[in-house]
Amino acid sequence: MRRYFCSTLIALTIAFSATADPFALVLVGSGGDEEFSGRFTDWGTRLYRVLTQELGFESENVSLLMDGQGDDAAEPTLESMQNALSSLGDRIGPEDDLFIFVIGHGSHLSGVSKINVPGPDVSADAIAEWIATLTPRRLAVVNTASASAGFINALSGSNRIVCTATKSTEEKNATVFMGHFIDGIEDGSADINRDTRISVYEACEQAAVLTRAWYESEGLIATEHALLDDNGDRRGSRLAEPRDPDEDEEIDGELASRSWLRDFSFPPEVPKELIDTYLQNLDEVEELKAQKDSIAEEEYTTQLERFLIDAARANAEIRRIVSESKPDIETVS
């Protein structure tokens, strides 16, 4: 599934608080040898920077669990992860989103999938138990460890997105997915439709594309194939591959395409009703485009024009309010 917004609308380029807060937990597991420890530390450091500097997450809303960082991060243990989720859960409201990112080595034995950390490993079942008590609007888990596919079976559910670097628990080699996940955000290619927002689907899809390209450029047989599950069926769909909707009535990607790592943001003086109108029309455009093949061309064009005009009017009004309240801030057209 590939969903793209029309990019004819002008997005605001002003950094203000969004209408809901995103929260994140980054778990960087044990690397083992020096090569992987260094790689995982680099990814964890870059991901934290990307979240807090590129994607607009408030630093106090991001928990980083990573070895060797002194006061900058807590030790990545089973207990610290449970405590971090509990602490975030105390602050997360029903309109907020929670993202869990996992970096490291994984394993699967006797039907149990785990992440390697100092001390007792963190199992998918333990995470499932911890997140069951949380009440975010949406929960996204991006597990980029080896043998990570088993996390889909344990964590899939309503209003949940689970992305794994591997398609099965038998793909046990160290992965490169997270490196390309971060690359896509840093170089901007994760914003596939160029609407200034980055959805979970876009970031994971682009990471899968870059991962596949890396194996091809290195002349290697790919030992990881990313999956995405967001419809609660605990199956997952392959990323970076063409999908035929006629072959599968329940294609994953709908929820992930509407869940934002980087969303539009608005200054507080813009009325919520106006923001809702703007975003609702953008959602209507996306839904209409998904139904294009089943709608008469004239009807499709008429509806699309109406939604685009209504969104453009709301956008213009938002820009007017911003211009009057923040005359020293520039917007682009």
Protein backbone atom coordinates (compact mmCIF):
# COMPACT_ATOMS: atom_id res chain seq x y z
CA MET A 1 0.00 0.00 0.00
CA ARG A 2 1.29 3.41 -0.92
CA ARG A 3 -0.76 6.43 0.11
CA TYR A 4 0.22 9.91 -1.04
CA PHE A 5 -1.32 13.29 -0.32
CA CYS A 6 -1.68 15.85 -3.07
CA SER A 7 1.24 18.20 -2.53
CA THR A 8 -0.43 21.29 -4.00
CA LEU A 9 -1.32 22.64 -0.58
CA ILE A 10 1.04 24.95 1.22
CA ALA A 11 2.28 23.75 4.60
CA LEU A 12 3.23 26.06 7.41
CA THR A 13 6.94 26.14 8.16
CA ILE A 14 6.69 27.43 11.70
CA ALA A 15 7.84 25.47 14.74
CA PHE A 16 5.21 25.72 17.45
CA SER A 17 3.61 23.19 19.76
CA ALA A 18 1.45 20.62 17.98
CA THR A 19 -2.10 19.85 19.11
CA ALA A 20 -0.99 16.53 20.70
CA ASP A 21 2.32 15.51 22.19
CA PRO A 22 4.48 12.67 20.87
CA PHE A 23 6.40 10.59 23.40
CA ALA A 24 9.19 8.12 22.69
CA LEU A 25 11.33 5.47 24.30
CA VAL A 26 14.59 4.45 22.62
CA LEU A 27 16.08 1.15 23.80
CA VAL A 28 19.65 0.45 22.66
CA GLY A 29 20.47 -3.12 23.60
CA SER A 30 23.77 -4.89 24.10
CA GLY A 31 26.12 -4.83 21.14
CA GLY A 32 28.39 -7.64 22.29
CA ASP A 33 31.60 -6.92 20.43
CA GLU A 34 33.11 -3.50 19.80
CA GLU A 35 31.85 -3.23 16.21
CA PHE A 36 28.19 -3.64 17.09
CA SER A 37 28.42 -1.69 20.34
CA GLY A 38 29.79 1.27 18.43
CA ARG A 39 27.19 0.94 15.68
CA PHE A 40 24.28 0.70 18.10
CA THR A 41 25.54 3.65 20.15
CA ASP A 42 25.85 5.74 17.00
CA TRP A 43 22.31 4.85 15.94
CA GLY A 44 20.90 5.55 19.39
CA THR A 45 22.63 8.92 19.58
CA ARG A 46 21.50 9.91 16.10
CA LEU A 47 17.95 8.73 16.65
CA TYR A 48 17.67 10.77 19.84
CA ARG A 49 18.98 13.82 17.97
CA VAL A 50 16.58 13.21 15.08
CA LEU A 51 13.59 12.91 17.39
CA THR A 52 14.37 16.00 19.43
CA GLN A 53 15.84 18.23 16.72
CA GLU A 54 14.31 17.11 13.42
CA LEU A 55 10.92 15.73 14.38
CA GLY A 56 9.91 18.12 17.15
CA PHE A 57 9.76 15.77 20.13
CA GLU A 58 10.32 17.59 23.41
CA SER A 59 13.50 16.24 25.03
CA GLU A 60 11.68 15.58 28.31
CA ASN A 61 9.26 13.35 26.37
CA VAL A 62 12.01 11.06 25.05
CA SER A 63 13.58 8.37 27.23
CA LEU A 64 16.94 7.05 25.98
CA LEU A 65 18.18 3.77 27.43
CA MET A 66 21.76 3.22 26.26
CA ASP A 67 25.04 2.08 27.79
CA GLY A 68 28.08 4.32 28.16
CA GLN A 69 26.33 7.68 28.10
CA GLY A 70 26.81 8.78 31.70
CA ASP A 71 24.04 11.10 32.84
CA ASP A 72 22.64 11.44 29.32
CA ALA A 73 20.93 8.05 29.29
CA ALA A 74 19.76 5.34 31.66
CA GLU A 75 21.21 1.84 31.55
CA PRO A 76 19.28 -0.35 29.06
CA THR A 77 17.94 -3.07 31.34
CA LEU A 78 14.63 -4.84 31.71
CA GLU A 79 13.90 -2.89 34.89
CA SER A 80 14.84 0.49 33.43
CA MET A 81 12.63 -0.09 30.39
CA GLN A 82 9.68 -0.99 32.58
CA ASN A 83 10.29 2.09 34.73
CA ALA A 84 10.66 4.34 31.68
CA LEU A 85 7.37 3.14 30.17
CA SER A 86 5.65 3.57 33.52
CA SER A 87 7.00 7.10 33.85
CA LEU A 88 5.95 8.06 30.33
CA GLY A 89 2.58 6.42 30.86
CA ASP A 90 1.88 8.72 33.79
CA ARG A 91 2.15 11.68 31.43
CA ILE A 92 0.60 10.34 28.24
CA GLY A 93 -2.97 11.39 27.54
CA PRO A 94 -5.56 9.82 25.22
CA GLU A 95 -4.69 12.33 22.47
CA ASP A 96 -0.94 11.66 22.62
CA ASP A 97 1.12 9.15 20.63
CA LEU A 98 3.83 6.83 21.97
CA PHE A 99 6.72 5.50 19.90
CA ILE A 100 9.03 2.70 21.04
CA PHE A 101 12.25 2.20 19.07
CA VAL A 102 14.42 -0.87 19.60
CA ILE A 103 18.04 -1.13 18.45
CA GLY A 104 20.22 -4.17 19.03
CA HIS A 105 20.44 -7.93 18.80
CA GLY A 106 17.35 -10.06 19.14
CA SER A 107 16.63 -13.72 19.66
CA HIS A 108 13.77 -16.20 19.44
CA LEU A 109 13.75 -19.39 21.47
CA SER A 110 10.93 -21.70 22.52
CA GLY A 111 8.37 -19.33 21.05
CA VAL A 112 9.63 -16.27 22.96
CA SER A 113 11.15 -13.26 21.19
CA LYS A 114 13.61 -11.14 23.15
CA ILE A 115 15.96 -8.16 22.96
CA ASN A 116 19.47 -8.63 24.35
CA VAL A 117 20.21 -6.20 27.19
CA PRO A 118 22.51 -6.31 30.23
CA GLY A 119 21.02 -8.72 32.76
CA PRO A 120 17.73 -10.50 31.95
CA ASP A 121 16.70 -9.95 28.33
CA VAL A 122 13.56 -7.97 27.48
CA SER A 123 10.89 -10.23 26.01
CA ALA A 124 8.08 -9.25 23.66
CA ASP A 125 5.65 -10.69 26.19
CA ALA A 126 7.00 -8.40 28.92
CA ILE A 127 6.60 -5.35 26.69
CA ALA A 128 3.06 -6.47 25.82
CA GLU A 129 2.25 -6.60 29.53
CA TRP A 130 3.72 -3.15 30.20
CA ILE A 131 2.01 -1.37 27.31
CA ALA A 132 -1.36 -2.95 28.15
CA THR A 133 -1.67 -0.42 30.99
CA LEU A 134 -0.93 2.61 28.77
CA THR A 135 -3.61 4.69 27.07
CA PRO A 136 -2.09 6.63 24.15
CA ARG A 137 -4.11 7.50 21.08
CA ARG A 138 -1.74 5.36 19.03
CA LEU A 139 1.25 3.21 19.84
CA ALA A 140 4.01 2.49 17.34
CA VAL A 141 6.81 -0.01 17.95
CA VAL A 142 9.75 -0.02 15.53
CA ASN A 143 11.90 -3.02 16.42
CA THR A 144 14.99 -3.08 14.24
CA ALA A 145 16.75 -5.97 15.95
CA SER A 146 17.55 -9.34 14.42
CA ALA A 147 14.80 -12.00 14.64
CA SER A 148 12.36 -9.20 15.45
CA ALA A 149 9.36 -10.52 13.49
CA GLY A 150 8.04 -12.34 16.55
CA PHE A 151 7.20 -9.00 18.15
CA ILE A 152 4.31 -8.63 15.71
CA ASN A 153 2.59 -11.69 17.16
CA ALA A 154 2.99 -10.37 20.71
CA LEU A 155 2.24 -6.67 20.23
CA SER A 156 -0.27 -6.44 17.37
CA GLY A 157 -3.56 -4.83 18.36
CA SER A 158 -6.05 -2.04 17.91
CA ASN A 159 -4.49 1.39 17.27
CA ARG A 160 -1.05 -0.20 17.27
CA ILE A 161 1.65 -0.15 14.63
CA VAL A 162 4.44 -2.70 14.74
CA CYS A 163 7.34 -2.53 12.30
CA THR A 164 10.09 -5.15 12.39
CA ALA A 165 13.35 -5.36 10.47
CA THR A 166 12.85 -9.05 9.70
CA LYS A 167 10.05 -11.06 8.13
CA SER A 168 10.66 -14.09 10.33
CA THR A 169 12.39 -15.12 13.52
CA GLU A 170 14.80 -17.13 11.38
CA GLU A 171 16.43 -13.95 10.04
CA LYS A 172 18.98 -13.84 12.83
CA ASN A 173 21.85 -11.86 11.32
CA ALA A 174 22.55 -8.33 12.55
CA THR A 175 20.38 -5.83 10.71
CA VAL A 176 21.04 -2.47 9.04
CA PHE A 177 17.42 -1.26 8.95
CA MET A 178 17.75 1.32 11.74
CA GLY A 179 20.71 3.01 10.09
CA HIS A 180 18.63 3.55 6.96
CA PHE A 181 15.57 4.55 8.99
CA ILE A 182 17.62 7.40 10.45
CA ASP A 183 19.22 8.20 7.07
CA GLY A 184 15.80 8.67 5.48
CA ILE A 185 14.79 11.23 8.09
CA GLU A 186 18.14 13.03 8.09
CA ASP A 187 18.33 13.38 4.30
CA GLY A 188 14.61 14.09 3.89
CA SER A 189 13.83 11.09 1.68
CA ALA A 190 11.46 9.68 4.32
CA ASP A 191 9.03 12.47 3.39
CA ILE A 192 8.05 10.46 0.33
CA ASN A 193 5.14 12.64 -0.82
CA ARG A 194 6.92 15.92 0.06
CA ASP A 195 4.11 17.33 2.19
CA THR A 196 6.56 18.25 5.02
CA ARG A 197 5.06 15.56 7.26
CA ILE A 198 6.65 12.16 7.87
CA SER A 199 4.32 9.30 8.66
CA VAL A 200 5.36 6.07 10.33
CA TYR A 201 4.56 4.32 7.07
CA GLU A 202 6.75 6.63 5.02
CA ALA A 203 9.72 6.32 7.40
CA CYS A 204 9.51 2.52 7.54
CA GLU A 205 8.86 2.11 3.83
CA GLN A 206 11.81 4.32 2.90
CA ALA A 207 14.05 2.50 5.38
CA ALA A 208 13.09 -0.80 3.75
CA VAL A 209 13.82 0.60 0.28
CA LEU A 210 17.23 1.90 1.37
CA THR A 211 18.00 -1.39 3.13
CA ARG A 212 17.25 -3.40 0.02
CA ALA A 213 19.37 -1.02 -2.08
CA TRP A 214 22.27 -1.39 0.37
CA TYR A 215 22.33 -5.17 0.07
CA GLU A 216 22.21 -4.89 -3.71
CA SER A 217 25.04 -2.33 -3.80
CA GLU A 218 27.18 -4.56 -1.56
CA GLY A 219 26.49 -7.59 -3.72
CA LEU A 220 24.99 -9.42 -0.74
CA ILE A 221 21.93 -11.61 -0.37
CA ALA A 222 19.51 -9.73 1.88
CA THR A 223 19.17 -11.32 5.30
CA GLU A 224 16.43 -8.96 6.49
CA HIS A 225 13.05 -8.06 5.02
CA ALA A 226 10.94 -5.55 6.95
CA LEU A 227 7.32 -6.10 7.96
CA LEU A 228 4.59 -3.68 9.02
CA ASP A 229 1.44 -4.60 10.93
CA ASP A 230 -1.18 -2.00 11.81
CA ASN A 231 -4.53 -3.75 11.34
CA GLY A 232 -4.30 -6.01 14.38
CA ASP A 233 -4.25 -9.31 12.48
CA ARG A 234 -0.78 -10.27 13.81
CA ARG A 235 0.44 -11.13 10.32
CA GLY A 236 2.29 -8.12 8.91
CA SER A 237 2.88 -7.04 5.33
CA ARG A 238 6.20 -6.83 3.52
CA LEU A 239 7.55 -3.33 3.00
CA ALA A 240 9.35 -2.05 -0.12
CA GLU A 241 7.42 -4.47 -2.33
CA PRO A 242 4.48 -3.93 -4.70
CA ARG A 243 1.20 -5.10 -3.20
CA ASP A 244 -1.95 -6.16 -5.04
CA PRO A 245 -4.99 -5.07 -3.03
CA ASP A 246 -7.08 -7.74 -4.77
CA GLU A 247 -4.92 -10.47 -3.27
CA ASP A 248 -5.32 -9.34 0.33
CA GLU A 249 -8.40 -7.62 1.73
CA GLU A 250 -6.55 -6.52 4.86
CA ILE A 251 -3.45 -4.73 3.63
CA ASP A 252 -1.44 -3.04 6.36
CA GLY A 253 -0.48 0.62 6.16
CA GLU A 254 -3.69 2.58 6.66
CA LEU A 255 -3.07 3.50 10.30
CA ALA A 256 0.67 3.95 9.82
CA SER A 257 -0.02 6.38 6.95
CA ARG A 258 -2.03 8.57 9.36
CA SER A 259 0.40 8.40 12.28
CA TRP A 260 3.01 11.11 12.25
CA LEU A 261 6.61 11.17 13.34
CA ARG A 262 6.59 14.77 12.14
CA ASP A 263 3.23 16.46 11.78
CA PHE A 264 2.12 19.92 10.83
CA SER A 265 2.38 22.27 13.79
CA PHE A 266 0.41 25.36 14.60
CA PRO A 267 0.80 28.35 16.95
CA PRO A 268 -1.56 28.40 19.92
CA GLU A 269 -3.57 31.34 18.61
CA VAL A 270 -4.92 29.29 15.68
CA PRO A 271 -8.40 28.02 16.68
CA LYS A 272 -8.65 24.27 17.09
CA GLU A 273 -11.76 24.17 14.88
CA LEU A 274 -9.78 25.71 12.02
CA ILE A 275 -6.94 23.22 12.47
CA ASP A 276 -9.44 20.35 12.54
CA THR A 277 -11.07 21.61 9.35
CA TYR A 278 -7.73 21.83 7.57
CA LEU A 279 -6.55 18.38 8.64
CA GLN A 280 -9.94 16.79 8.02
CA ASN A 281 -9.90 17.96 4.42
CA LEU A 282 -6.41 16.56 3.96
CA ASP A 283 -7.67 13.24 5.33
CA GLU A 284 -10.62 13.37 2.93
CA VAL A 285 -8.20 13.86 0.03
CA GLU A 286 -6.23 10.78 1.08
CA GLU A 287 -9.33 8.64 1.51
CA LEU A 288 -10.69 9.77 -1.84
CA LYS A 289 -7.44 8.95 -3.62
CA ALA A 290 -7.54 5.46 -2.12
CA GLN A 291 -10.99 4.97 -3.73
CA LYS A 292 -10.08 6.47 -7.11
CA ASP A 293 -10.40 3.21 -9.08
CA SER A 294 -13.94 2.62 -7.79
CA ILE A 295 -15.32 6.13 -8.43
CA ALA A 296 -16.42 7.66 -11.72
CA GLU A 297 -13.79 10.07 -13.01
CA GLU A 298 -16.09 13.10 -13.02
CA GLU A 299 -17.29 12.44 -9.46
CA TYR A 300 -13.69 11.87 -8.32
CA THR A 301 -12.52 15.14 -9.83
CA THR A 302 -15.45 17.09 -8.36
CA GLN A 303 -14.92 15.74 -4.86
CA LEU A 304 -11.16 16.17 -5.02
CA GLU A 305 -11.53 19.78 -6.11
CA ARG A 306 -13.96 20.51 -3.28
CA PHE A 307 -11.69 19.04 -0.60
CA LEU A 308 -8.63 20.82 -1.99
CA ILE A 309 -10.42 24.16 -2.14
CA ASP A 310 -11.75 23.80 1.41
CA ALA A 311 -8.30 22.80 2.66
CA ALA A 312 -6.69 25.71 0.80
CA ARG A 313 -9.17 28.16 2.34
CA ALA A 314 -8.45 26.85 5.83
CA ASN A 315 -4.73 26.98 5.08
CA ALA A 316 -5.01 30.60 3.92
CA GLU A 317 -6.88 31.56 7.08
CA ILE A 318 -4.26 29.87 9.25
CA ARG A 319 -1.52 31.72 7.40
CA ARG A 320 -3.38 35.00 7.88
CA ILE A 321 -3.64 34.44 11.63
CA VAL A 322 0.03 33.48 11.84
CA SER A 323 1.07 36.49 9.78
CA GLU A 324 -0.86 38.90 11.98
CA SER A 325 0.30 37.38 15.26
CA LYS A 326 3.91 36.65 14.23
CA PRO A 327 4.82 39.26 11.60
CA ASP A 328 8.53 38.56 11.99
CA ILE A 329 8.14 34.91 10.97
CA GLU A 330 8.24 34.02 7.29
CA THR A 331 6.22 31.35 5.55
CA VAL A 332 6.90 29.89 2.14
CA SER A 333 4.63 29.36 -0.80
